[in-house]
Amino acid sequence: MSTEGGTKALVAALSANLAIAVGKFTAFAFTGSSSMLAEGVHSVADSGNQVLLLIGGKRSTREASEQHPFGYGRERYVYGFLVSIVLFSLGGMFAAYEGVEKIIHPHELRDWGWAVGVLVFAVVMEGWSFWTAFQESAKAKGALGWSEYIRRAKAPELPIVLLEDSGALIGLVLALLGVGLTVITGNGVWDGVGSLCIGLLLIVIALVLASETKSLLIGESADKEVVAEIRDALVDHDTVTDVIHMRTLHVGPEELLIAAKIAVNAEDTAAQVAAAIDAAEARVRRAVPIARAIYLEPDVYSAEKAAAGPDPEATPGGPGPDRH
């Protein structure tokens, strides 16, 4: 995903949600509809989420410092995780609570025409926002399926907006059903049921977002296809004959750290090895432009070393000094 595509989708979503929130709260004031209140809070939560993602994108572009030598790319993941928390608490839990309250204490809707009109307007605006996110995501996902794209995307903005807008459109349909059934049957319980369903929907979406962004926060490797490209670029079968083992880590959506032990010829001099490392780094950066930090350790190839992989005692997450 390009940062530009994510920003375009975020601005479109923010513009739509602000307009929709005003309309929903206006409709709630006239109708007293629980579904409209839940949807209004949902739109406020979504607007706040888009602001958080825009702030995260801006802060992630700061230059690396002595304290943060790999830069601030992961700020986008931090703010993405905050979005899932806001969506769960402010959006999902509030809507679910409001729904239960209105099921227990139903009341008649007033001026229901306001609710229907605003919901139709909201569907149009959310549809525009969703279409923008869909188009930008289609460019980014390539040949991947949609579920696979959401799981594997390293940039959080587009998947988040796509899920939020999908949830918003489904929520609007639920709100229309809740209001419509309340008007048809004269039973305010249906309005509460609509609000409860909206809340449960938002909670599910929030949990999916939390799971995906947590994985990015912990640290994900490059995709298998990218790892294969890096391996191919490192080895020239002349000065670098093999990759003994390698690790990759995304320090940001468009920033990749690579650490590898490469096999060189036993008879090469230090100067030749140094030149081989420089050439290998240049090949990797041409093949994978997001490779920002590359650390290569030369060694003479050994089948035993290659099979053993990295030293587990020196590997984060591996056995500690007192474990064998």
C-alpha atoms as a PDB file:
ATOM      1  CA  MET A   1       0.000   0.000   0.000  1.00  0.00           C
ATOM      2  CA  SER A   2       1.215   3.495  -0.752  1.00  0.00           C
ATOM      3  CA  THR A   3       0.933   6.069   2.000  1.00  0.00           C
ATOM      4  CA  GLU A   4      -0.867   8.341  -0.471  1.00  0.00           C
ATOM      5  CA  GLY A   5      -3.592   5.749  -1.081  1.00  0.00           C
ATOM      6  CA  GLY A   6      -4.144   5.265   2.638  1.00  0.00           C
ATOM      7  CA  THR A   7      -4.360   9.015   3.260  1.00  0.00           C
ATOM      8  CA  LYS A   8      -6.883   9.449   0.446  1.00  0.00           C
ATOM      9  CA  ALA A   9      -9.114   6.739   1.907  1.00  0.00           C
ATOM     10  CA  LEU A  10      -8.787   8.203   5.428  1.00  0.00           C
ATOM     11  CA  VAL A  11      -9.720  11.738   4.341  1.00  0.00           C
ATOM     12  CA  ALA A  12     -12.730  10.418   2.420  1.00  0.00           C
ATOM     13  CA  ALA A  13     -13.862   8.352   5.427  1.00  0.00           C
ATOM     14  CA  LEU A  14     -13.379  11.252   7.859  1.00  0.00           C
ATOM     15  CA  SER A  15     -15.354  13.666   5.680  1.00  0.00           C
ATOM     16  CA  ALA A  16     -18.210  11.186   5.307  1.00  0.00           C
ATOM     17  CA  ASN A  17     -18.351  10.248   8.999  1.00  0.00           C
ATOM     18  CA  LEU A  18     -18.396  13.834  10.258  1.00  0.00           C
ATOM     19  CA  ALA A  19     -21.316  14.690   7.977  1.00  0.00           C
ATOM     20  CA  ILE A  20     -23.118  11.476   8.901  1.00  0.00           C
ATOM     21  CA  ALA A  21     -22.595  11.970  12.654  1.00  0.00           C
ATOM     22  CA  VAL A  22     -24.279  15.384  12.552  1.00  0.00           C
ATOM     23  CA  GLY A  23     -27.233  13.929  10.660  1.00  0.00           C
ATOM     24  CA  LYS A  24     -27.618  10.919  12.985  1.00  0.00           C
ATOM     25  CA  PHE A  25     -27.590  12.985  16.173  1.00  0.00           C
ATOM     26  CA  THR A  26     -30.099  15.373  14.621  1.00  0.00           C
ATOM     27  CA  ALA A  27     -32.346  12.429  13.801  1.00  0.00           C
ATOM     28  CA  PHE A  28     -31.926  11.044  17.334  1.00  0.00           C
ATOM     29  CA  ALA A  29     -32.970  14.405  18.790  1.00  0.00           C
ATOM     30  CA  PHE A  30     -36.213  14.289  16.784  1.00  0.00           C
ATOM     31  CA  THR A  31     -37.001  10.574  17.085  1.00  0.00           C
ATOM     32  CA  GLY A  32     -35.428   9.329  20.315  1.00  0.00           C
ATOM     33  CA  SER A  33     -34.343   6.214  18.370  1.00  0.00           C
ATOM     34  CA  SER A  34     -31.827   3.989  20.166  1.00  0.00           C
ATOM     35  CA  SER A  35     -30.507   2.732  16.817  1.00  0.00           C
ATOM     36  CA  MET A  36     -29.897   6.318  15.694  1.00  0.00           C
ATOM     37  CA  LEU A  37     -28.024   7.133  18.906  1.00  0.00           C
ATOM     38  CA  ALA A  38     -25.886   3.993  18.525  1.00  0.00           C
ATOM     39  CA  GLU A  39     -25.168   4.852  14.911  1.00  0.00           C
ATOM     40  CA  GLY A  40     -24.324   8.461  15.872  1.00  0.00           C
ATOM     41  CA  VAL A  41     -21.791   7.276  18.451  1.00  0.00           C
ATOM     42  CA  HIS A  42     -20.482   4.788  15.862  1.00  0.00           C
ATOM     43  CA  SER A  43     -19.825   7.645  13.416  1.00  0.00           C
ATOM     44  CA  VAL A  44     -18.103   9.724  16.101  1.00  0.00           C
ATOM     45  CA  ALA A  45     -15.906   6.743  16.986  1.00  0.00           C
ATOM     46  CA  ASP A  46     -15.066   6.196  13.307  1.00  0.00           C
ATOM     47  CA  SER A  47     -14.204   9.898  12.887  1.00  0.00           C
ATOM     48  CA  GLY A  48     -11.898   9.745  15.894  1.00  0.00           C
ATOM     49  CA  ASN A  49     -10.308   6.599  14.480  1.00  0.00           C
ATOM     50  CA  GLN A  50      -9.511   8.280  11.183  1.00  0.00           C
ATOM     51  CA  VAL A  51      -7.956  11.214  13.045  1.00  0.00           C
ATOM     52  CA  LEU A  52      -5.825   8.749  15.053  1.00  0.00           C
ATOM     53  CA  LEU A  53      -4.635   7.026  11.873  1.00  0.00           C
ATOM     54  CA  LEU A  54      -3.766  10.350  10.240  1.00  0.00           C
ATOM     55  CA  ILE A  55      -1.781  11.358  13.346  1.00  0.00           C
ATOM     56  CA  GLY A  56      -0.003   7.992  13.343  1.00  0.00           C
ATOM     57  CA  GLY A  57       0.882   8.358   9.673  1.00  0.00           C
ATOM     58  CA  LYS A  58       2.291  11.839  10.269  1.00  0.00           C
ATOM     59  CA  ARG A  59       4.320  10.864  13.328  1.00  0.00           C
ATOM     60  CA  SER A  60       5.736   7.778  11.618  1.00  0.00           C
ATOM     61  CA  THR A  61       7.559   9.960   9.077  1.00  0.00           C
ATOM     62  CA  ARG A  62       9.861  11.521  11.682  1.00  0.00           C
ATOM     63  CA  GLU A  63      13.548  10.974  11.085  1.00  0.00           C
ATOM     64  CA  ALA A  64      15.393   8.306  13.050  1.00  0.00           C
ATOM     65  CA  SER A  65      17.057   9.482  16.248  1.00  0.00           C
ATOM     66  CA  GLU A  66      19.742   8.160  18.555  1.00  0.00           C
ATOM     67  CA  GLN A  67      17.049   6.775  20.854  1.00  0.00           C
ATOM     68  CA  HIS A  68      15.026   5.318  17.940  1.00  0.00           C
ATOM     69  CA  PRO A  69      17.691   4.350  15.374  1.00  0.00           C
ATOM     70  CA  PHE A  70      15.228   2.465  13.162  1.00  0.00           C
ATOM     71  CA  GLY A  71      12.822   5.384  12.966  1.00  0.00           C
ATOM     72  CA  TYR A  72       9.183   5.704  13.980  1.00  0.00           C
ATOM     73  CA  GLY A  73       7.446   3.550  11.364  1.00  0.00           C
ATOM     74  CA  ARG A  74       5.715   1.405  13.992  1.00  0.00           C
ATOM     75  CA  GLU A  75       3.761   4.422  15.255  1.00  0.00           C
ATOM     76  CA  ARG A  76       1.265   3.532  12.528  1.00  0.00           C
ATOM     77  CA  TYR A  77       0.749   0.155  14.215  1.00  0.00           C
ATOM     78  CA  VAL A  78       0.360   1.757  17.657  1.00  0.00           C
ATOM     79  CA  TYR A  79      -2.349   4.112  16.440  1.00  0.00           C
ATOM     80  CA  GLY A  80      -3.985   1.274  14.519  1.00  0.00           C
ATOM     81  CA  PHE A  81      -4.243  -0.700  17.767  1.00  0.00           C
ATOM     82  CA  LEU A  82      -5.732   2.353  19.514  1.00  0.00           C
ATOM     83  CA  VAL A  83      -8.404   2.408  16.803  1.00  0.00           C
ATOM     84  CA  SER A  84      -9.487  -1.130  17.708  1.00  0.00           C
ATOM     85  CA  ILE A  85      -9.754  -0.122  21.384  1.00  0.00           C
ATOM     86  CA  VAL A  86     -11.863   2.964  20.577  1.00  0.00           C
ATOM     87  CA  LEU A  87     -14.100   0.968  18.226  1.00  0.00           C
ATOM     88  CA  PHE A  88     -14.606  -1.736  20.866  1.00  0.00           C
ATOM     89  CA  SER A  89     -15.273   0.556  23.825  1.00  0.00           C
ATOM     90  CA  LEU A  90     -16.869   3.718  22.468  1.00  0.00           C
ATOM     91  CA  GLY A  91     -18.593   2.123  19.488  1.00  0.00           C
ATOM     92  CA  GLY A  92     -19.392  -1.504  20.236  1.00  0.00           C
ATOM     93  CA  MET A  93     -19.897  -1.552  24.003  1.00  0.00           C
ATOM     94  CA  PHE A  94     -21.955   1.664  24.041  1.00  0.00           C
ATOM     95  CA  ALA A  95     -24.234   0.480  21.238  1.00  0.00           C
ATOM     96  CA  ALA A  96     -24.702  -2.914  22.907  1.00  0.00           C
ATOM     97  CA  TYR A  97     -25.520  -1.273  26.250  1.00  0.00           C
ATOM     98  CA  GLU A  98     -27.962   1.140  24.621  1.00  0.00           C
ATOM     99  CA  GLY A  99     -29.620  -1.755  22.798  1.00  0.00           C
ATOM    100  CA  VAL A 100     -30.105  -3.816  25.964  1.00  0.00           C
ATOM    101  CA  GLU A 101     -31.463  -0.760  27.771  1.00  0.00           C
ATOM    102  CA  LYS A 102     -34.070  -0.118  25.062  1.00  0.00           C
ATOM    103  CA  ILE A 103     -35.057  -3.802  24.898  1.00  0.00           C
ATOM    104  CA  ILE A 104     -35.730  -3.723  28.645  1.00  0.00           C
ATOM    105  CA  HIS A 105     -37.390  -0.280  28.501  1.00  0.00           C
ATOM    106  CA  PRO A 106     -38.768   0.180  24.957  1.00  0.00           C
ATOM    107  CA  HIS A 107     -40.380   3.432  23.901  1.00  0.00           C
ATOM    108  CA  GLU A 108     -42.261   4.704  20.869  1.00  0.00           C
ATOM    109  CA  LEU A 109     -40.395   6.496  18.074  1.00  0.00           C
ATOM    110  CA  ARG A 110     -41.225  10.102  17.264  1.00  0.00           C
ATOM    111  CA  ASP A 111     -40.937  11.635  13.780  1.00  0.00           C
ATOM    112  CA  TRP A 112     -39.490   8.407  12.351  1.00  0.00           C
ATOM    113  CA  GLY A 113     -39.215  10.050   8.909  1.00  0.00           C
ATOM    114  CA  TRP A 114     -36.121  11.885  10.185  1.00  0.00           C
ATOM    115  CA  ALA A 115     -34.436   8.605  11.012  1.00  0.00           C
ATOM    116  CA  VAL A 116     -35.159   7.032   7.635  1.00  0.00           C
ATOM    117  CA  GLY A 117     -34.032  10.127   5.734  1.00  0.00           C
ATOM    118  CA  VAL A 118     -30.760  10.436   7.635  1.00  0.00           C
ATOM    119  CA  LEU A 119     -30.032   6.718   7.324  1.00  0.00           C
ATOM    120  CA  VAL A 120     -30.518   6.845   3.548  1.00  0.00           C
ATOM    121  CA  PHE A 121     -28.197   9.877   3.421  1.00  0.00           C
ATOM    122  CA  ALA A 122     -25.680   7.969   5.553  1.00  0.00           C
ATOM    123  CA  VAL A 123     -25.798   4.966   3.213  1.00  0.00           C
ATOM    124  CA  VAL A 124     -24.894   7.230   0.287  1.00  0.00           C
ATOM    125  CA  MET A 125     -21.989   8.880   2.152  1.00  0.00           C
ATOM    126  CA  GLU A 126     -20.666   5.619   3.592  1.00  0.00           C
ATOM    127  CA  GLY A 127     -20.967   4.033   0.159  1.00  0.00           C
ATOM    128  CA  TRP A 128     -18.752   6.791  -1.278  1.00  0.00           C
ATOM    129  CA  SER A 129     -16.209   6.296   1.499  1.00  0.00           C
ATOM    130  CA  PHE A 130     -16.285   2.500   1.087  1.00  0.00           C
ATOM    131  CA  TRP A 131     -15.840   2.760  -2.681  1.00  0.00           C
ATOM    132  CA  THR A 132     -12.776   4.989  -2.228  1.00  0.00           C
ATOM    133  CA  ALA A 133     -11.237   2.528   0.253  1.00  0.00           C
ATOM    134  CA  PHE A 134     -12.172  -0.400  -2.005  1.00  0.00           C
ATOM    135  CA  GLN A 135     -10.462   1.135  -5.034  1.00  0.00           C
ATOM    136  CA  GLU A 136      -7.272   1.972  -3.132  1.00  0.00           C
ATOM    137  CA  SER A 137      -7.219  -1.467  -1.495  1.00  0.00           C
ATOM    138  CA  ALA A 138      -7.692  -3.176  -4.870  1.00  0.00           C
ATOM    139  CA  LYS A 139      -4.494  -1.476  -6.080  1.00  0.00           C
ATOM    140  CA  ALA A 140      -2.600  -2.586  -2.983  1.00  0.00           C
ATOM    141  CA  LYS A 141      -3.776  -6.188  -2.697  1.00  0.00           C
ATOM    142  CA  GLY A 142      -2.728  -7.310  -6.166  1.00  0.00           C
ATOM    143  CA  ALA A 143      -3.598 -10.974  -6.710  1.00  0.00           C
ATOM    144  CA  LEU A 144      -4.390 -11.618  -3.036  1.00  0.00           C
ATOM    145  CA  GLY A 145      -7.914 -12.438  -1.919  1.00  0.00           C
ATOM    146  CA  TRP A 146      -9.622  -9.905   0.315  1.00  0.00           C
ATOM    147  CA  SER A 147      -9.371 -11.899   3.554  1.00  0.00           C
ATOM    148  CA  GLU A 148      -5.740 -12.764   2.816  1.00  0.00           C
ATOM    149  CA  TYR A 149      -4.983  -9.117   2.042  1.00  0.00           C
ATOM    150  CA  ILE A 150      -6.416  -7.960   5.382  1.00  0.00           C
ATOM    151  CA  ARG A 151      -4.373 -10.624   7.216  1.00  0.00           C
ATOM    152  CA  ARG A 152      -1.106  -9.953   5.373  1.00  0.00           C
ATOM    153  CA  ALA A 153      -1.179  -6.174   4.827  1.00  0.00           C
ATOM    154  CA  LYS A 154       1.723  -4.447   6.598  1.00  0.00           C
ATOM    155  CA  ALA A 155       0.188  -0.971   6.330  1.00  0.00           C
ATOM    156  CA  PRO A 156      -2.817  -0.783   8.675  1.00  0.00           C
ATOM    157  CA  GLU A 157      -4.766   2.176   7.269  1.00  0.00           C
ATOM    158  CA  LEU A 158      -6.565   0.668   4.281  1.00  0.00           C
ATOM    159  CA  PRO A 159      -7.627  -2.595   5.955  1.00  0.00           C
ATOM    160  CA  ILE A 160      -8.942  -0.609   8.930  1.00  0.00           C
ATOM    161  CA  VAL A 161     -10.944   1.825   6.780  1.00  0.00           C
ATOM    162  CA  LEU A 162     -12.227  -1.058   4.647  1.00  0.00           C
ATOM    163  CA  LEU A 163     -13.445  -2.985   7.701  1.00  0.00           C
ATOM    164  CA  GLU A 164     -14.893   0.137   9.348  1.00  0.00           C
ATOM    165  CA  ASP A 165     -16.811   1.145   6.228  1.00  0.00           C
ATOM    166  CA  SER A 166     -18.066  -2.402   5.684  1.00  0.00           C
ATOM    167  CA  GLY A 167     -19.250  -2.477   9.285  1.00  0.00           C
ATOM    168  CA  ALA A 168     -20.824   0.958   8.919  1.00  0.00           C
ATOM    169  CA  LEU A 169     -22.841  -0.069   5.860  1.00  0.00           C
ATOM    170  CA  ILE A 170     -24.051  -3.259   7.569  1.00  0.00           C
ATOM    171  CA  GLY A 171     -24.824  -1.223  10.697  1.00  0.00           C
ATOM    172  CA  LEU A 172     -26.920   1.221   8.676  1.00  0.00           C
ATOM    173  CA  VAL A 173     -28.947  -1.661   7.247  1.00  0.00           C
ATOM    174  CA  LEU A 174     -29.479  -2.982  10.793  1.00  0.00           C
ATOM    175  CA  ALA A 175     -30.534   0.483  11.957  1.00  0.00           C
ATOM    176  CA  LEU A 176     -33.010   0.773   9.072  1.00  0.00           C
ATOM    177  CA  LEU A 177     -34.442  -2.621   9.959  1.00  0.00           C
ATOM    178  CA  GLY A 178     -34.712  -1.672  13.629  1.00  0.00           C
ATOM    179  CA  VAL A 179     -36.462   1.615  12.884  1.00  0.00           C
ATOM    180  CA  GLY A 180     -38.650   0.059  10.173  1.00  0.00           C
ATOM    181  CA  LEU A 181     -39.842  -2.845  12.342  1.00  0.00           C
ATOM    182  CA  THR A 182     -40.513  -0.452  15.216  1.00  0.00           C
ATOM    183  CA  VAL A 183     -42.688   1.732  12.971  1.00  0.00           C
ATOM    184  CA  ILE A 184     -44.495  -1.250  11.415  1.00  0.00           C
ATOM    185  CA  THR A 185     -45.156  -3.145  14.645  1.00  0.00           C
ATOM    186  CA  GLY A 186     -45.368  -0.202  17.031  1.00  0.00           C
ATOM    187  CA  ASN A 187     -43.029  -2.129  19.340  1.00  0.00           C
ATOM    188  CA  GLY A 188     -39.924  -0.188  20.436  1.00  0.00           C
ATOM    189  CA  VAL A 189     -38.109  -3.417  21.295  1.00  0.00           C
ATOM    190  CA  TRP A 190     -37.052  -3.729  17.636  1.00  0.00           C
ATOM    191  CA  ASP A 191     -35.184  -0.431  17.853  1.00  0.00           C
ATOM    192  CA  GLY A 192     -33.219  -1.824  20.794  1.00  0.00           C
ATOM    193  CA  VAL A 193     -32.550  -5.068  18.914  1.00  0.00           C
ATOM    194  CA  GLY A 194     -31.118  -3.035  16.016  1.00  0.00           C
ATOM    195  CA  SER A 195     -28.830  -1.150  18.382  1.00  0.00           C
ATOM    196  CA  LEU A 196     -27.695  -4.378  20.066  1.00  0.00           C
ATOM    197  CA  CYS A 197     -26.873  -5.988  16.706  1.00  0.00           C
ATOM    198  CA  ILE A 198     -24.869  -2.897  15.708  1.00  0.00           C
ATOM    199  CA  GLY A 199     -22.917  -3.126  18.959  1.00  0.00           C
ATOM    200  CA  LEU A 200     -22.113  -6.823  18.484  1.00  0.00           C
ATOM    201  CA  LEU A 201     -21.015  -6.158  14.905  1.00  0.00           C
ATOM    202  CA  LEU A 202     -18.640  -3.400  16.002  1.00  0.00           C
ATOM    203  CA  ILE A 203     -17.186  -5.586  18.769  1.00  0.00           C
ATOM    204  CA  VAL A 204     -16.408  -8.362  16.263  1.00  0.00           C
ATOM    205  CA  ILE A 205     -14.725  -5.900  13.864  1.00  0.00           C
ATOM    206  CA  ALA A 206     -12.745  -4.379  16.749  1.00  0.00           C
ATOM    207  CA  LEU A 207     -11.486  -7.809  17.827  1.00  0.00           C
ATOM    208  CA  VAL A 208     -10.361  -8.622  14.268  1.00  0.00           C
ATOM    209  CA  LEU A 209      -8.510  -5.280  14.040  1.00  0.00           C
ATOM    210  CA  ALA A 210      -6.919  -5.795  17.454  1.00  0.00           C
ATOM    211  CA  SER A 211      -5.659  -9.241  16.457  1.00  0.00           C
ATOM    212  CA  GLU A 212      -4.110  -8.054  13.194  1.00  0.00           C
ATOM    213  CA  THR A 213      -2.490  -4.887  14.577  1.00  0.00           C
ATOM    214  CA  LYS A 214      -1.180  -6.759  17.639  1.00  0.00           C
ATOM    215  CA  SER A 215       0.680  -9.094  15.307  1.00  0.00           C
ATOM    216  CA  LEU A 216       2.240  -6.099  13.530  1.00  0.00           C
ATOM    217  CA  LEU A 217       3.177  -4.482  16.841  1.00  0.00           C
ATOM    218  CA  ILE A 218       4.956  -7.618  18.041  1.00  0.00           C
ATOM    219  CA  GLY A 219       6.908  -7.713  14.795  1.00  0.00           C
ATOM    220  CA  GLU A 220       6.143  -9.528  11.549  1.00  0.00           C
ATOM    221  CA  SER A 221       8.590 -10.841   8.991  1.00  0.00           C
ATOM    222  CA  ALA A 222       8.440 -10.008   5.306  1.00  0.00           C
ATOM    223  CA  ASP A 223       6.030 -12.050   3.186  1.00  0.00           C
ATOM    224  CA  LYS A 224       7.346 -15.331   1.799  1.00  0.00           C
ATOM    225  CA  GLU A 225       7.546 -13.906  -1.708  1.00  0.00           C
ATOM    226  CA  VAL A 226       9.667 -10.977  -0.490  1.00  0.00           C
ATOM    227  CA  VAL A 227      11.946 -13.309   1.501  1.00  0.00           C
ATOM    228  CA  ALA A 228      12.502 -15.356  -1.652  1.00  0.00           C
ATOM    229  CA  GLU A 229      13.386 -12.194  -3.599  1.00  0.00           C
ATOM    230  CA  ILE A 230      15.901 -11.213  -0.918  1.00  0.00           C
ATOM    231  CA  ARG A 231      17.531 -14.651  -0.987  1.00  0.00           C
ATOM    232  CA  ASP A 232      17.807 -14.553  -4.774  1.00  0.00           C
ATOM    233  CA  ALA A 233      19.320 -11.070  -4.649  1.00  0.00           C
ATOM    234  CA  LEU A 234      21.885 -11.954  -1.979  1.00  0.00           C
ATOM    235  CA  VAL A 235      23.331 -14.937  -3.845  1.00  0.00           C
ATOM    236  CA  ASP A 236      25.314 -14.314  -7.035  1.00  0.00           C
ATOM    237  CA  HIS A 237      26.988 -17.783  -7.020  1.00  0.00           C
ATOM    238  CA  ASP A 238      30.358 -16.080  -7.352  1.00  0.00           C
ATOM    239  CA  THR A 239      31.273 -13.996  -4.315  1.00  0.00           C
ATOM    240  CA  VAL A 240      28.197 -15.005  -2.276  1.00  0.00           C
ATOM    241  CA  THR A 241      27.477 -18.667  -2.773  1.00  0.00           C
ATOM    242  CA  ASP A 242      24.559 -19.262  -0.377  1.00  0.00           C
ATOM    243  CA  VAL A 243      22.413 -17.888   2.444  1.00  0.00           C
ATOM    244  CA  ILE A 244      23.116 -19.882   5.604  1.00  0.00           C
ATOM    245  CA  HIS A 245      20.206 -18.334   7.506  1.00  0.00           C
ATOM    246  CA  MET A 246      18.238 -15.094   7.446  1.00  0.00           C
ATOM    247  CA  ARG A 247      15.712 -13.123   9.476  1.00  0.00           C
ATOM    248  CA  THR A 248      13.527 -10.212   8.357  1.00  0.00           C
ATOM    249  CA  LEU A 249      11.437  -7.782  10.388  1.00  0.00           C
ATOM    250  CA  HIS A 250       9.084  -4.963   9.456  1.00  0.00           C
ATOM    251  CA  VAL A 251      10.066  -1.896  11.493  1.00  0.00           C
ATOM    252  CA  GLY A 252       7.336  -0.024   9.616  1.00  0.00           C
ATOM    253  CA  PRO A 253       4.913  -0.700   6.754  1.00  0.00           C
ATOM    254  CA  GLU A 254       7.472   0.395   4.148  1.00  0.00           C
ATOM    255  CA  GLU A 255      10.644  -0.308   6.142  1.00  0.00           C
ATOM    256  CA  LEU A 256      12.295  -3.714   6.334  1.00  0.00           C
ATOM    257  CA  LEU A 257      15.204  -4.883   8.481  1.00  0.00           C
ATOM    258  CA  ILE A 258      17.260  -7.799   7.149  1.00  0.00           C
ATOM    259  CA  ALA A 259      19.862  -9.811   9.055  1.00  0.00           C
ATOM    260  CA  ALA A 260      21.556 -12.732   7.310  1.00  0.00           C
ATOM    261  CA  LYS A 261      24.578 -14.989   7.502  1.00  0.00           C
ATOM    262  CA  ILE A 262      25.928 -15.439   3.982  1.00  0.00           C
ATOM    263  CA  ALA A 263      28.421 -17.959   2.634  1.00  0.00           C
ATOM    264  CA  VAL A 264      31.569 -16.591   0.964  1.00  0.00           C
ATOM    265  CA  ASN A 265      34.578 -18.298  -0.529  1.00  0.00           C
ATOM    266  CA  ALA A 266      37.124 -19.500   2.027  1.00  0.00           C
ATOM    267  CA  GLU A 267      40.028 -18.182  -0.029  1.00  0.00           C
ATOM    268  CA  ASP A 268      38.649 -14.630  -0.417  1.00  0.00           C
ATOM    269  CA  THR A 269      40.536 -11.797   1.237  1.00  0.00           C
ATOM    270  CA  ALA A 270      38.911  -9.357   3.696  1.00  0.00           C
ATOM    271  CA  ALA A 271      38.756  -6.743   0.947  1.00  0.00           C
ATOM    272  CA  GLN A 272      36.991  -9.165  -1.401  1.00  0.00           C
ATOM    273  CA  VAL A 273      34.503 -10.151   1.311  1.00  0.00           C
ATOM    274  CA  ALA A 274      33.771  -6.494   2.075  1.00  0.00           C
ATOM    275  CA  ALA A 275      33.189  -5.816  -1.627  1.00  0.00           C
ATOM    276  CA  ALA A 276      30.932  -8.866  -1.856  1.00  0.00           C
ATOM    277  CA  ILE A 277      28.830  -7.625   1.074  1.00  0.00           C
ATOM    278  CA  ASP A 278      28.471  -4.143  -0.472  1.00  0.00           C
ATOM    279  CA  ALA A 279      27.417  -5.670  -3.801  1.00  0.00           C
ATOM    280  CA  ALA A 280      24.930  -7.985  -2.094  1.00  0.00           C
ATOM    281  CA  GLU A 281      23.345  -5.085  -0.209  1.00  0.00           C
ATOM    282  CA  ALA A 282      23.014  -3.121  -3.448  1.00  0.00           C
ATOM    283  CA  ARG A 283      21.317  -6.075  -5.175  1.00  0.00           C
ATOM    284  CA  VAL A 284      18.850  -6.476  -2.309  1.00  0.00           C
ATOM    285  CA  ARG A 285      17.920  -2.774  -2.320  1.00  0.00           C
ATOM    286  CA  ARG A 286      17.295  -2.898  -6.064  1.00  0.00           C
ATOM    287  CA  ALA A 287      15.087  -5.975  -5.688  1.00  0.00           C
ATOM    288  CA  VAL A 288      13.295  -4.848  -2.497  1.00  0.00           C
ATOM    289  CA  PRO A 289      13.337  -1.025  -2.196  1.00  0.00           C
ATOM    290  CA  ILE A 290      11.824  -1.080   1.326  1.00  0.00           C
ATOM    291  CA  ALA A 291      14.958  -2.865   2.633  1.00  0.00           C
ATOM    292  CA  ARG A 292      16.320  -0.014   4.766  1.00  0.00           C
ATOM    293  CA  ALA A 293      18.636  -1.745   7.263  1.00  0.00           C
ATOM    294  CA  ILE A 294      20.688  -4.716   6.034  1.00  0.00           C
ATOM    295  CA  TYR A 295      23.155  -6.546   8.282  1.00  0.00           C
ATOM    296  CA  LEU A 296      25.197  -9.309   6.640  1.00  0.00           C
ATOM    297  CA  GLU A 297      27.568 -11.642   8.457  1.00  0.00           C
ATOM    298  CA  PRO A 298      30.031 -13.500   6.175  1.00  0.00           C
ATOM    299  CA  ASP A 299      30.954 -17.099   6.889  1.00  0.00           C
ATOM    300  CA  VAL A 300      32.326 -20.147   5.101  1.00  0.00           C
ATOM    301  CA  TYR A 301      29.452 -22.403   4.124  1.00  0.00           C
ATOM    302  CA  SER A 302      28.878 -25.451   6.300  1.00  0.00           C
ATOM    303  CA  ALA A 303      25.968 -27.842   5.920  1.00  0.00           C
ATOM    304  CA  GLU A 304      25.933 -28.330   9.696  1.00  0.00           C
ATOM    305  CA  LYS A 305      25.737 -24.549  10.350  1.00  0.00           C
ATOM    306  CA  ALA A 306      22.993 -24.108   7.775  1.00  0.00           C
ATOM    307  CA  ALA A 307      20.943 -26.910   9.319  1.00  0.00           C
ATOM    308  CA  ALA A 308      21.430 -25.557  12.860  1.00  0.00           C
ATOM    309  CA  GLY A 309      20.243 -22.056  11.947  1.00  0.00           C
ATOM    310  CA  PRO A 310      20.817 -19.114  14.321  1.00  0.00           C
ATOM    311  CA  ASP A 311      22.197 -19.758  17.782  1.00  0.00           C
ATOM    312  CA  PRO A 312      19.052 -20.249  19.939  1.00  0.00           C
ATOM    313  CA  GLU A 313      20.896 -18.899  22.980  1.00  0.00           C
ATOM    314  CA  ALA A 314      21.338 -15.575  21.164  1.00  0.00           C
ATOM    315  CA  THR A 315      17.868 -15.472  19.659  1.00  0.00           C
ATOM    316  CA  PRO A 316      15.107 -13.311  21.177  1.00  0.00           C
ATOM    317  CA  GLY A 317      12.369 -15.584  22.435  1.00  0.00           C
ATOM    318  CA  GLY A 318      14.715 -18.567  22.493  1.00  0.00           C
ATOM    319  CA  PRO A 319      15.839 -20.440  25.601  1.00  0.00           C
ATOM    320  CA  GLY A 320      17.446 -18.261  28.262  1.00  0.00           C
ATOM    321  CA  PRO A 321      20.907 -18.791  29.742  1.00  0.00           C
ATOM    322  CA  ASP A 322      19.549 -21.076  32.456  1.00  0.00           C
ATOM    323  CA  ARG A 323      17.469 -23.234  30.118  1.00  0.00           C
ATOM    324  CA  HIS A 324      18.859 -26.151  28.126  1.00  0.00           C
END
